[in-house]
């Protein structure tokens, strides 16, 4: 915990500093949601062919999913969401006049969540 997934359109591949974004987001999760630094895990999923409304051209999408163990207040979750959006503004540059559609959400992990570490 936390489990962070970032979906981003393939047309952002060159304009998205993913390692720096993950590093800065991990720091925000630690500061805002009291997570432990080694517990922060982020995976990036490149998606193809973004479509917004009737348009298939001129758009780029990125969405950040942050899943935490239950117990954080709605205010904490909102602060973390805003921090994620601020970091996207810093680390994502849409190329060629594309419109960037950025969003983020924080949710509780399901009570069934379990994990293990091992080799």
Foldseek 3Di string as FASTA:
>chain_A
DWEKEKEKEPQFVVFFPVVVLQVQLLVLCCVLVVDDSVVRDYDYHYDYQDDDDPDRPQAIEMEMEIEAAPDDDPVSFVVSFVSSVVSCVVGTDRPDNGHYDYGYGYYYDPPVDDDDDDD
